[in-house]
């Protein structure tokens, strides 16, 4: 997949990495210390105070947008990865894909369902009964057998073997 980023995305990625670094934090502390030391020189004037207030306000204002952009991108990537896991796992419900689009009330109802499942699992008194290695291996074998029976799998295998000859 070719990565083509627009100028803002490139800048946002760079700025997010740069401002999240230790050197950026140390630089910010140094600026505050220098500003504090210069207080007596400028007799703690209104202008002296205005400089730090204006500077931090502008930086904070701009950082809000950079942080939100970064969080939106990370959130999309996480959702896509989770959707891939849900879609590829034979035992999961595909109805959970894009669950983030549900209303708050629908999410609360869904959460109650999973809380109830958790309570039922806790009553089992045996951690291995539903989460054992044997059950995971059995589930994996079942998925492999199911996969190999699909026409798409058979066609892909046939096409691959034809290309290799």
C-alpha atoms as a PDB file:
ATOM      1  CA  UNK A   1       0.000   0.000   0.000  1.00  0.00           C
ATOM      2  CA  UNK A   2       1.558   3.282  -1.091  1.00  0.00           C
ATOM      3  CA  UNK A   3       1.764   5.904   1.608  1.00  0.00           C
ATOM      4  CA  UNK A   4       0.816   9.308   0.266  1.00  0.00           C
ATOM      5  CA  UNK A   5       0.381  11.958   2.919  1.00  0.00           C
ATOM      6  CA  UNK A   6      -0.640  15.539   2.391  1.00  0.00           C
ATOM      7  CA  UNK A   7       1.492  18.375   3.733  1.00  0.00           C
ATOM      8  CA  UNK A   8      -0.635  18.892   6.858  1.00  0.00           C
ATOM      9  CA  UNK A   9      -0.544  15.196   7.741  1.00  0.00           C
ATOM     10  CA  UNK A  10       3.237  15.133   7.340  1.00  0.00           C
ATOM     11  CA  UNK A  11       3.555  18.215   9.548  1.00  0.00           C
ATOM     12  CA  UNK A  12       1.110  16.842  12.115  1.00  0.00           C
ATOM     13  CA  UNK A  13       3.015  13.549  12.341  1.00  0.00           C
ATOM     14  CA  UNK A  14       6.324  15.379  12.717  1.00  0.00           C
ATOM     15  CA  UNK A  15       4.932  17.835  15.289  1.00  0.00           C
ATOM     16  CA  UNK A  16       3.308  15.060  17.319  1.00  0.00           C
ATOM     17  CA  UNK A  17       6.562  13.127  17.493  1.00  0.00           C
ATOM     18  CA  UNK A  18       8.631  16.241  18.206  1.00  0.00           C
ATOM     19  CA  UNK A  19       6.377  17.672  20.905  1.00  0.00           C
ATOM     20  CA  UNK A  20       6.014  14.305  22.606  1.00  0.00           C
ATOM     21  CA  UNK A  21       9.756  13.941  23.047  1.00  0.00           C
ATOM     22  CA  UNK A  22      11.868  14.378  26.161  1.00  0.00           C
ATOM     23  CA  UNK A  23      13.813  17.181  24.494  1.00  0.00           C
ATOM     24  CA  UNK A  24      10.587  19.137  23.871  1.00  0.00           C
ATOM     25  CA  UNK A  25       9.666  18.804  27.542  1.00  0.00           C
ATOM     26  CA  UNK A  26      13.142  19.904  28.644  1.00  0.00           C
ATOM     27  CA  UNK A  27      12.960  22.847  26.225  1.00  0.00           C
ATOM     28  CA  UNK A  28       9.598  23.895  27.685  1.00  0.00           C
ATOM     29  CA  UNK A  29      11.000  23.751  31.213  1.00  0.00           C
ATOM     30  CA  UNK A  30      14.058  25.755  30.092  1.00  0.00           C
ATOM     31  CA  UNK A  31      11.826  28.452  28.560  1.00  0.00           C
ATOM     32  CA  UNK A  32       9.856  28.737  31.809  1.00  0.00           C
ATOM     33  CA  UNK A  33      13.031  28.916  33.898  1.00  0.00           C
ATOM     34  CA  UNK A  34      14.526  31.592  31.630  1.00  0.00           C
ATOM     35  CA  UNK A  35      11.251  33.512  31.723  1.00  0.00           C
ATOM     36  CA  UNK A  36      11.202  33.275  35.539  1.00  0.00           C
ATOM     37  CA  UNK A  37      14.821  34.414  35.831  1.00  0.00           C
ATOM     38  CA  UNK A  38      14.163  37.436  33.620  1.00  0.00           C
ATOM     39  CA  UNK A  39      11.298  38.560  35.873  1.00  0.00           C
ATOM     40  CA  UNK A  40      13.423  40.861  38.067  1.00  0.00           C
ATOM     41  CA  UNK A  41      15.145  42.327  34.987  1.00  0.00           C
ATOM     42  CA  UNK A  42      11.762  43.367  33.556  1.00  0.00           C
ATOM     43  CA  UNK A  43      10.402  44.227  37.022  1.00  0.00           C
ATOM     44  CA  UNK A  44       7.677  41.608  36.637  1.00  0.00           C
ATOM     45  CA  UNK A  45       5.894  43.968  34.259  1.00  0.00           C
ATOM     46  CA  UNK A  46       2.593  43.319  32.548  1.00  0.00           C
ATOM     47  CA  UNK A  47       4.457  42.872  29.256  1.00  0.00           C
ATOM     48  CA  UNK A  48       6.730  40.271  30.846  1.00  0.00           C
ATOM     49  CA  UNK A  49       3.667  38.325  32.055  1.00  0.00           C
ATOM     50  CA  UNK A  50       1.840  38.816  28.754  1.00  0.00           C
ATOM     51  CA  UNK A  51       4.703  37.192  26.829  1.00  0.00           C
ATOM     52  CA  UNK A  52       4.426  33.854  28.665  1.00  0.00           C
ATOM     53  CA  UNK A  53       0.625  33.951  28.753  1.00  0.00           C
ATOM     54  CA  UNK A  54       0.299  34.665  25.037  1.00  0.00           C
ATOM     55  CA  UNK A  55       2.972  32.150  24.066  1.00  0.00           C
ATOM     56  CA  UNK A  56       1.496  29.298  26.099  1.00  0.00           C
ATOM     57  CA  UNK A  57      -2.043  30.101  24.971  1.00  0.00           C
ATOM     58  CA  UNK A  58      -1.093  30.001  21.288  1.00  0.00           C
ATOM     59  CA  UNK A  59       0.904  26.785  21.683  1.00  0.00           C
ATOM     60  CA  UNK A  60      -1.911  25.137  23.661  1.00  0.00           C
ATOM     61  CA  UNK A  61      -4.500  26.205  21.095  1.00  0.00           C
ATOM     62  CA  UNK A  62      -2.502  24.725  18.203  1.00  0.00           C
ATOM     63  CA  UNK A  63      -1.587  21.556  20.119  1.00  0.00           C
ATOM     64  CA  UNK A  64      -5.260  20.768  20.723  1.00  0.00           C
ATOM     65  CA  UNK A  65      -5.750  20.331  16.978  1.00  0.00           C
ATOM     66  CA  UNK A  66      -2.557  18.317  16.499  1.00  0.00           C
ATOM     67  CA  UNK A  67      -3.418  16.019  19.383  1.00  0.00           C
ATOM     68  CA  UNK A  68      -6.972  15.543  18.088  1.00  0.00           C
ATOM     69  CA  UNK A  69      -5.679  14.712  14.595  1.00  0.00           C
ATOM     70  CA  UNK A  70      -3.257  12.180  16.039  1.00  0.00           C
ATOM     71  CA  UNK A  71      -5.950  10.624  18.241  1.00  0.00           C
ATOM     72  CA  UNK A  72      -8.406  10.410  15.336  1.00  0.00           C
ATOM     73  CA  UNK A  73      -5.831   8.618  13.192  1.00  0.00           C
ATOM     74  CA  UNK A  74      -4.862   6.230  16.011  1.00  0.00           C
ATOM     75  CA  UNK A  75      -8.518   5.558  16.773  1.00  0.00           C
ATOM     76  CA  UNK A  76      -9.269   4.714  13.126  1.00  0.00           C
ATOM     77  CA  UNK A  77      -6.264   2.378  12.969  1.00  0.00           C
ATOM     78  CA  UNK A  78      -7.266   0.608  16.185  1.00  0.00           C
ATOM     79  CA  UNK A  79     -10.855   0.200  14.992  1.00  0.00           C
ATOM     80  CA  UNK A  80      -9.664  -1.260  11.695  1.00  0.00           C
ATOM     81  CA  UNK A  81      -7.370  -3.705  13.481  1.00  0.00           C
ATOM     82  CA  UNK A  82     -10.169  -4.764  15.816  1.00  0.00           C
ATOM     83  CA  UNK A  83     -12.563  -5.107  12.882  1.00  0.00           C
ATOM     84  CA  UNK A  84     -10.023  -7.360  11.164  1.00  0.00           C
ATOM     85  CA  UNK A  85      -9.794  -9.550  14.261  1.00  0.00           C
ATOM     86  CA  UNK A  86     -13.575  -9.749  14.544  1.00  0.00           C
ATOM     87  CA  UNK A  87     -14.049 -10.495  10.848  1.00  0.00           C
ATOM     88  CA  UNK A  88     -11.344 -13.163  10.762  1.00  0.00           C
ATOM     89  CA  UNK A  89     -12.326 -15.040  13.926  1.00  0.00           C
ATOM     90  CA  UNK A  90     -14.887 -17.746  13.297  1.00  0.00           C
ATOM     91  CA  UNK A  91     -16.486 -17.507  16.737  1.00  0.00           C
ATOM     92  CA  UNK A  92     -17.078 -13.756  16.827  1.00  0.00           C
ATOM     93  CA  UNK A  93     -20.145 -11.811  15.828  1.00  0.00           C
ATOM     94  CA  UNK A  94     -19.673  -9.599  12.781  1.00  0.00           C
ATOM     95  CA  UNK A  95     -22.310  -7.342  14.294  1.00  0.00           C
ATOM     96  CA  UNK A  96     -19.503  -5.985  16.493  1.00  0.00           C
ATOM     97  CA  UNK A  97     -17.744  -4.482  13.465  1.00  0.00           C
ATOM     98  CA  UNK A  98     -18.213  -0.705  13.592  1.00  0.00           C
ATOM     99  CA  UNK A  99     -19.821  -0.920  17.022  1.00  0.00           C
ATOM    100  CA  UNK A 100     -18.398   2.573  17.616  1.00  0.00           C
ATOM    101  CA  UNK A 101     -21.208   3.909  15.419  1.00  0.00           C
ATOM    102  CA  UNK A 102     -23.881   2.836  17.917  1.00  0.00           C
ATOM    103  CA  UNK A 103     -25.621   5.337  20.151  1.00  0.00           C
ATOM    104  CA  UNK A 104     -24.630   5.706  23.790  1.00  0.00           C
ATOM    105  CA  UNK A 105     -27.811   3.877  24.839  1.00  0.00           C
ATOM    106  CA  UNK A 106     -27.099   0.980  22.474  1.00  0.00           C
ATOM    107  CA  UNK A 107     -23.530   0.741  23.789  1.00  0.00           C
ATOM    108  CA  UNK A 108     -24.840   0.645  27.363  1.00  0.00           C
ATOM    109  CA  UNK A 109     -27.204  -2.204  26.455  1.00  0.00           C
ATOM    110  CA  UNK A 110     -24.388  -4.095  24.767  1.00  0.00           C
ATOM    111  CA  UNK A 111     -22.162  -3.567  27.814  1.00  0.00           C
ATOM    112  CA  UNK A 112     -24.875  -5.038  30.065  1.00  0.00           C
ATOM    113  CA  UNK A 113     -24.905  -8.118  27.830  1.00  0.00           C
ATOM    114  CA  UNK A 114     -21.144  -8.609  28.261  1.00  0.00           C
ATOM    115  CA  UNK A 115     -21.327  -7.961  31.999  1.00  0.00           C
ATOM    116  CA  UNK A 116     -23.921 -10.744  32.182  1.00  0.00           C
ATOM    117  CA  UNK A 117     -21.638 -13.044  30.166  1.00  0.00           C
ATOM    118  CA  UNK A 118     -18.829 -12.254  32.574  1.00  0.00           C
ATOM    119  CA  UNK A 119     -21.014 -13.168  35.541  1.00  0.00           C
ATOM    120  CA  UNK A 120     -21.942 -16.476  33.908  1.00  0.00           C
ATOM    121  CA  UNK A 121     -18.269 -17.237  33.220  1.00  0.00           C
ATOM    122  CA  UNK A 122     -17.377 -16.444  36.838  1.00  0.00           C
ATOM    123  CA  UNK A 123     -19.878 -19.073  38.038  1.00  0.00           C
ATOM    124  CA  UNK A 124     -17.965 -21.794  36.170  1.00  0.00           C
ATOM    125  CA  UNK A 125     -15.241 -21.925  38.869  1.00  0.00           C
ATOM    126  CA  UNK A 126     -12.851 -23.345  36.289  1.00  0.00           C
ATOM    127  CA  UNK A 127     -10.717 -20.945  34.307  1.00  0.00           C
ATOM    128  CA  UNK A 128      -9.737 -23.637  31.809  1.00  0.00           C
ATOM    129  CA  UNK A 129     -13.282 -24.597  30.910  1.00  0.00           C
ATOM    130  CA  UNK A 130     -13.752 -21.754  28.447  1.00  0.00           C
ATOM    131  CA  UNK A 131     -10.237 -20.391  28.009  1.00  0.00           C
ATOM    132  CA  UNK A 132      -7.981 -23.425  27.873  1.00  0.00           C
ATOM    133  CA  UNK A 133      -5.110 -23.975  25.465  1.00  0.00           C
ATOM    134  CA  UNK A 134      -6.829 -27.159  24.292  1.00  0.00           C
ATOM    135  CA  UNK A 135      -9.990 -25.217  23.463  1.00  0.00           C
ATOM    136  CA  UNK A 136      -7.931 -22.603  21.590  1.00  0.00           C
ATOM    137  CA  UNK A 137      -6.125 -25.301  19.587  1.00  0.00           C
ATOM    138  CA  UNK A 138      -9.418 -27.036  18.846  1.00  0.00           C
ATOM    139  CA  UNK A 139     -10.918 -23.746  17.686  1.00  0.00           C
ATOM    140  CA  UNK A 140      -7.861 -23.121  15.497  1.00  0.00           C
ATOM    141  CA  UNK A 141      -8.126 -26.561  13.893  1.00  0.00           C
ATOM    142  CA  UNK A 142     -11.821 -25.993  13.271  1.00  0.00           C
ATOM    143  CA  UNK A 143     -11.035 -22.682  11.551  1.00  0.00           C
ATOM    144  CA  UNK A 144      -8.368 -24.283   9.360  1.00  0.00           C
ATOM    145  CA  UNK A 145     -10.701 -27.078   8.258  1.00  0.00           C
ATOM    146  CA  UNK A 146     -13.481 -24.575   7.586  1.00  0.00           C
ATOM    147  CA  UNK A 147     -11.101 -22.344   5.619  1.00  0.00           C
ATOM    148  CA  UNK A 148      -9.857 -25.183   3.447  1.00  0.00           C
ATOM    149  CA  UNK A 149     -13.420 -26.118   2.511  1.00  0.00           C
ATOM    150  CA  UNK A 150     -14.202 -22.669   1.139  1.00  0.00           C
ATOM    151  CA  UNK A 151     -14.223 -22.249  -2.628  1.00  0.00           C
ATOM    152  CA  UNK A 152     -12.213 -19.035  -2.344  1.00  0.00           C
ATOM    153  CA  UNK A 153      -9.429 -20.940  -0.556  1.00  0.00           C
ATOM    154  CA  UNK A 154      -9.474 -23.770  -3.106  1.00  0.00           C
ATOM    155  CA  UNK A 155      -9.429 -21.302  -6.018  1.00  0.00           C
ATOM    156  CA  UNK A 156      -6.545 -19.359  -4.500  1.00  0.00           C
ATOM    157  CA  UNK A 157      -4.559 -22.573  -3.992  1.00  0.00           C
ATOM    158  CA  UNK A 158      -5.248 -23.670  -7.584  1.00  0.00           C
ATOM    159  CA  UNK A 159      -4.211 -20.271  -8.973  1.00  0.00           C
ATOM    160  CA  UNK A 160      -1.016 -20.294  -6.902  1.00  0.00           C
ATOM    161  CA  UNK A 161      -0.037 -23.776  -8.043  1.00  0.00           C
ATOM    162  CA  UNK A 162      -0.738 -22.857 -11.708  1.00  0.00           C
ATOM    163  CA  UNK A 163       1.490 -19.766 -11.408  1.00  0.00           C
ATOM    164  CA  UNK A 164       4.338 -21.783  -9.901  1.00  0.00           C
ATOM    165  CA  UNK A 165       4.394 -24.278 -12.809  1.00  0.00           C
END
